[in-house]
Amino acid sequence: MTDCEPDQLRYHRSRFSARLPLDRLYSRSHYWLSRQPDGTWRIGLTRFAKRMLGDIVEFEFTIQPDAPVQCGQEIGWIEAFKAVSDIFCVAEGRFLGVNQQLADDPALIDSDPHGDGWLYTVDGQPDPQCVDAQGYTQLLDAHIDKMLGETTP
């Protein structure tokens, strides 16, 4: 793990590498959260989650804008070449809506998961278990070690 740009942390373990934006929070379920200037939270899949899923085929949100949401609530699903997964909310408050760009170009999730490929926005508070980029590297270490059948000392 080394710094690559002032606003990113470079992470590498086994065959996985990523640049983690430092201005984000990260959930145990591999979502990132970015606080927007208006105080809302933009939320997307991390590069690690995207890699585990594979190329995105389609997705759907099963919640309507302005609906109340809780941390851990299932709010949709995403289908990719490797897996189908539920989409969970990683904040508590009010669901504002989905990234409309994805309706025309779901490949944005693949090509820019930490940027234009964001999934949804929430007005409220992030899951209190979310961590900063440094903390997320520890979660990644543990997850990758488990996948490799190793234990972290």
C-alpha atoms as a PDB file:
ATOM      1  CA  MET A   1       0.000   0.000   0.000  1.00  0.00           C
ATOM      2  CA  THR A   2       1.483   3.348  -1.034  1.00  0.00           C
ATOM      3  CA  ASP A   3       0.227   6.840  -1.643  1.00  0.00           C
ATOM      4  CA  CYS A   4      -0.256   7.519  -5.353  1.00  0.00           C
ATOM      5  CA  GLU A   5      -1.973  10.909  -5.488  1.00  0.00           C
ATOM      6  CA  PRO A   6      -2.661  13.348  -2.660  1.00  0.00           C
ATOM      7  CA  ASP A   7      -6.371  12.517  -2.707  1.00  0.00           C
ATOM      8  CA  GLN A   8      -6.088   8.728  -3.122  1.00  0.00           C
ATOM      9  CA  LEU A   9      -4.614   5.757  -1.306  1.00  0.00           C
ATOM     10  CA  ARG A  10      -3.183   3.000  -3.463  1.00  0.00           C
ATOM     11  CA  TYR A  11      -4.051  -0.504  -2.286  1.00  0.00           C
ATOM     12  CA  HIS A  12      -2.600  -3.805  -3.488  1.00  0.00           C
ATOM     13  CA  ARG A  13      -2.956  -7.330  -2.134  1.00  0.00           C
ATOM     14  CA  SER A  14      -2.621 -10.593  -4.012  1.00  0.00           C
ATOM     15  CA  ARG A  15      -4.052  -9.941  -7.502  1.00  0.00           C
ATOM     16  CA  PHE A  16      -6.253  -7.000  -6.522  1.00  0.00           C
ATOM     17  CA  SER A  17      -5.300  -3.343  -6.611  1.00  0.00           C
ATOM     18  CA  ALA A  18      -7.290  -0.138  -6.356  1.00  0.00           C
ATOM     19  CA  ARG A  19      -6.966   3.561  -5.724  1.00  0.00           C
ATOM     20  CA  LEU A  20      -9.212   4.529  -2.834  1.00  0.00           C
ATOM     21  CA  PRO A  21     -10.393   8.147  -2.751  1.00  0.00           C
ATOM     22  CA  LEU A  22      -9.564   9.621   0.657  1.00  0.00           C
ATOM     23  CA  ASP A  23     -12.688  11.808   0.732  1.00  0.00           C
ATOM     24  CA  ARG A  24     -15.002   8.783   1.083  1.00  0.00           C
ATOM     25  CA  LEU A  25     -16.319   6.515   3.763  1.00  0.00           C
ATOM     26  CA  TYR A  26     -16.445   2.782   3.054  1.00  0.00           C
ATOM     27  CA  SER A  27     -18.864   0.134   4.298  1.00  0.00           C
ATOM     28  CA  ARG A  28     -18.180  -3.455   5.297  1.00  0.00           C
ATOM     29  CA  SER A  29     -20.412  -4.465   2.380  1.00  0.00           C
ATOM     30  CA  HIS A  30     -18.064  -2.714  -0.091  1.00  0.00           C
ATOM     31  CA  TYR A  31     -19.951   0.476  -0.858  1.00  0.00           C
ATOM     32  CA  TRP A  32     -18.396   3.934  -0.791  1.00  0.00           C
ATOM     33  CA  LEU A  33     -20.142   7.066   0.478  1.00  0.00           C
ATOM     34  CA  SER A  34     -19.252  10.596  -0.581  1.00  0.00           C
ATOM     35  CA  ARG A  35     -20.652  13.637   1.225  1.00  0.00           C
ATOM     36  CA  GLN A  36     -22.018  16.124  -1.292  1.00  0.00           C
ATOM     37  CA  PRO A  37     -21.930  19.927  -0.895  1.00  0.00           C
ATOM     38  CA  ASP A  38     -25.653  19.954  -0.004  1.00  0.00           C
ATOM     39  CA  GLY A  39     -25.045  17.475   2.858  1.00  0.00           C
ATOM     40  CA  THR A  40     -26.506  14.438   1.099  1.00  0.00           C
ATOM     41  CA  TRP A  41     -24.578  11.215   0.500  1.00  0.00           C
ATOM     42  CA  ARG A  42     -23.752   9.791  -2.919  1.00  0.00           C
ATOM     43  CA  ILE A  43     -23.243   6.013  -2.719  1.00  0.00           C
ATOM     44  CA  GLY A  44     -21.673   3.504  -5.084  1.00  0.00           C
ATOM     45  CA  LEU A  45     -19.969   0.136  -5.291  1.00  0.00           C
ATOM     46  CA  THR A  46     -16.268  -0.056  -4.564  1.00  0.00           C
ATOM     47  CA  ARG A  47     -13.880  -1.365  -7.180  1.00  0.00           C
ATOM     48  CA  PHE A  48     -13.542  -4.523  -5.049  1.00  0.00           C
ATOM     49  CA  ALA A  49     -17.310  -5.166  -5.121  1.00  0.00           C
ATOM     50  CA  LYS A  50     -17.343  -4.517  -8.847  1.00  0.00           C
ATOM     51  CA  ARG A  51     -14.525  -7.000  -9.356  1.00  0.00           C
ATOM     52  CA  MET A  52     -16.347  -9.662  -7.347  1.00  0.00           C
ATOM     53  CA  LEU A  53     -19.505  -9.127  -9.421  1.00  0.00           C
ATOM     54  CA  GLY A  54     -17.913  -8.865 -12.849  1.00  0.00           C
ATOM     55  CA  ASP A  55     -19.278  -6.770 -15.693  1.00  0.00           C
ATOM     56  CA  ILE A  56     -22.670  -5.295 -14.873  1.00  0.00           C
ATOM     57  CA  VAL A  57     -25.576  -6.528 -16.996  1.00  0.00           C
ATOM     58  CA  GLU A  58     -28.560  -4.799 -15.390  1.00  0.00           C
ATOM     59  CA  PHE A  59     -29.904  -3.491 -12.106  1.00  0.00           C
ATOM     60  CA  GLU A  60     -33.136  -2.309 -10.561  1.00  0.00           C
ATOM     61  CA  PHE A  61     -34.075  -0.307  -7.505  1.00  0.00           C
ATOM     62  CA  THR A  62     -37.196  -1.437  -5.664  1.00  0.00           C
ATOM     63  CA  ILE A  63     -37.585   1.722  -3.590  1.00  0.00           C
ATOM     64  CA  GLN A  64     -39.149   5.031  -4.557  1.00  0.00           C
ATOM     65  CA  PRO A  65     -37.575   8.473  -4.124  1.00  0.00           C
ATOM     66  CA  ASP A  66     -38.353  10.161  -0.779  1.00  0.00           C
ATOM     67  CA  ALA A  67     -38.933   6.806   0.953  1.00  0.00           C
ATOM     68  CA  PRO A  68     -37.366   6.376   4.401  1.00  0.00           C
ATOM     69  CA  VAL A  69     -34.382   3.996   4.470  1.00  0.00           C
ATOM     70  CA  GLN A  70     -32.364   2.231   7.147  1.00  0.00           C
ATOM     71  CA  CYS A  71     -28.860   0.826   7.174  1.00  0.00           C
ATOM     72  CA  GLY A  72     -28.869  -2.707   5.806  1.00  0.00           C
ATOM     73  CA  GLN A  73     -32.215  -2.339   4.039  1.00  0.00           C
ATOM     74  CA  GLU A  74     -32.472  -4.101   0.684  1.00  0.00           C
ATOM     75  CA  ILE A  75     -33.314  -1.435  -1.909  1.00  0.00           C
ATOM     76  CA  GLY A  76     -32.699  -3.223  -5.206  1.00  0.00           C
ATOM     77  CA  TRP A  77     -30.645  -5.796  -7.071  1.00  0.00           C
ATOM     78  CA  ILE A  78     -27.764  -5.882  -9.512  1.00  0.00           C
ATOM     79  CA  GLU A  79     -26.940  -8.578 -12.056  1.00  0.00           C
ATOM     80  CA  ALA A  80     -23.444  -9.114 -13.396  1.00  0.00           C
ATOM     81  CA  PHE A  81     -21.646 -11.858 -15.289  1.00  0.00           C
ATOM     82  CA  LYS A  82     -20.292 -13.473 -12.115  1.00  0.00           C
ATOM     83  CA  ALA A  83     -23.183 -12.982  -9.701  1.00  0.00           C
ATOM     84  CA  VAL A  84     -26.536 -11.472  -8.869  1.00  0.00           C
ATOM     85  CA  SER A  85     -26.567  -9.444  -5.673  1.00  0.00           C
ATOM     86  CA  ASP A  86     -28.964  -7.362  -3.652  1.00  0.00           C
ATOM     87  CA  ILE A  87     -28.267  -3.645  -3.356  1.00  0.00           C
ATOM     88  CA  PHE A  88     -28.327  -2.477   0.257  1.00  0.00           C
ATOM     89  CA  CYS A  89     -28.642   0.933   1.797  1.00  0.00           C
ATOM     90  CA  VAL A  90     -25.597   1.962   3.820  1.00  0.00           C
ATOM     91  CA  ALA A  91     -27.153   5.099   5.279  1.00  0.00           C
ATOM     92  CA  GLU A  92     -30.209   5.968   7.330  1.00  0.00           C
ATOM     93  CA  GLY A  93     -32.573   8.717   6.287  1.00  0.00           C
ATOM     94  CA  ARG A  94     -34.455   9.459   3.071  1.00  0.00           C
ATOM     95  CA  PHE A  95     -33.750   7.807  -0.288  1.00  0.00           C
ATOM     96  CA  LEU A  96     -33.371  10.593  -2.857  1.00  0.00           C
ATOM     97  CA  GLY A  97     -32.991   8.599  -6.041  1.00  0.00           C
ATOM     98  CA  VAL A  98     -30.755   6.743  -8.442  1.00  0.00           C
ATOM     99  CA  ASN A  99     -28.042   7.883 -10.819  1.00  0.00           C
ATOM    100  CA  GLN A 100     -30.044   8.562 -13.981  1.00  0.00           C
ATOM    101  CA  GLN A 101     -26.911   8.271 -16.161  1.00  0.00           C
ATOM    102  CA  LEU A 102     -26.875   4.532 -15.428  1.00  0.00           C
ATOM    103  CA  ALA A 103     -30.196   4.003 -17.215  1.00  0.00           C
ATOM    104  CA  ASP A 104     -28.476   4.898 -20.489  1.00  0.00           C
ATOM    105  CA  ASP A 105     -25.032   3.538 -19.650  1.00  0.00           C
ATOM    106  CA  PRO A 106     -24.813   0.900 -16.867  1.00  0.00           C
ATOM    107  CA  ALA A 107     -21.217   0.288 -17.995  1.00  0.00           C
ATOM    108  CA  LEU A 108     -20.312   3.424 -15.998  1.00  0.00           C
ATOM    109  CA  ILE A 109     -20.406   1.173 -12.926  1.00  0.00           C
ATOM    110  CA  ASP A 110     -17.670  -0.919 -14.566  1.00  0.00           C
ATOM    111  CA  SER A 111     -15.574   1.889 -16.024  1.00  0.00           C
ATOM    112  CA  ASP A 112     -15.821   4.439 -13.190  1.00  0.00           C
ATOM    113  CA  PRO A 113     -17.177   2.810 -10.005  1.00  0.00           C
ATOM    114  CA  HIS A 114     -15.754   5.538  -7.723  1.00  0.00           C
ATOM    115  CA  GLY A 115     -16.949   8.390  -9.951  1.00  0.00           C
ATOM    116  CA  ASP A 116     -19.728   8.662 -12.532  1.00  0.00           C
ATOM    117  CA  GLY A 117     -20.773   5.048 -11.819  1.00  0.00           C
ATOM    118  CA  TRP A 118     -22.333   5.928  -8.453  1.00  0.00           C
ATOM    119  CA  LEU A 119     -25.645   4.194  -7.663  1.00  0.00           C
ATOM    120  CA  TYR A 120     -27.924   6.289  -5.433  1.00  0.00           C
ATOM    121  CA  THR A 121     -28.190   9.224  -3.019  1.00  0.00           C
ATOM    122  CA  VAL A 122     -29.503   9.468   0.527  1.00  0.00           C
ATOM    123  CA  ASP A 123     -30.248  12.425   2.780  1.00  0.00           C
ATOM    124  CA  GLY A 124     -29.329  11.283   6.264  1.00  0.00           C
ATOM    125  CA  GLN A 125     -26.474   9.662   8.149  1.00  0.00           C
ATOM    126  CA  PRO A 126     -24.070   6.929   7.013  1.00  0.00           C
ATOM    127  CA  ASP A 127     -23.913   3.573   8.750  1.00  0.00           C
ATOM    128  CA  PRO A 128     -21.868   4.186  11.931  1.00  0.00           C
ATOM    129  CA  GLN A 129     -19.734   1.144  11.044  1.00  0.00           C
ATOM    130  CA  CYS A 130     -18.389   2.873   7.917  1.00  0.00           C
ATOM    131  CA  VAL A 131     -14.654   3.552   7.936  1.00  0.00           C
ATOM    132  CA  ASP A 132     -12.198   5.844   6.172  1.00  0.00           C
ATOM    133  CA  ALA A 133      -9.905   4.652   3.355  1.00  0.00           C
ATOM    134  CA  GLN A 134      -7.222   3.429   5.771  1.00  0.00           C
ATOM    135  CA  GLY A 135      -9.790   1.434   7.739  1.00  0.00           C
ATOM    136  CA  TYR A 136     -11.181   0.019   4.510  1.00  0.00           C
ATOM    137  CA  THR A 137      -7.758  -1.367   3.588  1.00  0.00           C
ATOM    138  CA  GLN A 138      -7.893  -3.419   6.792  1.00  0.00           C
ATOM    139  CA  LEU A 139     -11.339  -4.735   5.810  1.00  0.00           C
ATOM    140  CA  LEU A 140      -9.998  -5.601   2.358  1.00  0.00           C
ATOM    141  CA  ASP A 141      -6.970  -7.368   3.865  1.00  0.00           C
ATOM    142  CA  ALA A 142      -9.209  -9.536   6.047  1.00  0.00           C
ATOM    143  CA  HIS A 143     -11.642 -10.268   3.215  1.00  0.00           C
ATOM    144  CA  ILE A 144      -8.934 -11.159   0.695  1.00  0.00           C
ATOM    145  CA  ASP A 145      -7.064 -13.291   3.239  1.00  0.00           C
ATOM    146  CA  LYS A 146     -10.289 -15.181   3.945  1.00  0.00           C
ATOM    147  CA  MET A 147     -10.800 -15.739   0.216  1.00  0.00           C
ATOM    148  CA  LEU A 148      -7.238 -17.024  -0.081  1.00  0.00           C
ATOM    149  CA  GLY A 149      -7.675 -19.274   2.953  1.00  0.00           C
ATOM    150  CA  GLU A 150      -5.098 -17.370   4.964  1.00  0.00           C
ATOM    151  CA  THR A 151      -5.300 -15.811   8.398  1.00  0.00           C
ATOM    152  CA  THR A 152      -4.098 -12.376   9.379  1.00  0.00           C
ATOM    153  CA  PRO A 153      -1.789 -12.379  12.426  1.00  0.00           C
END
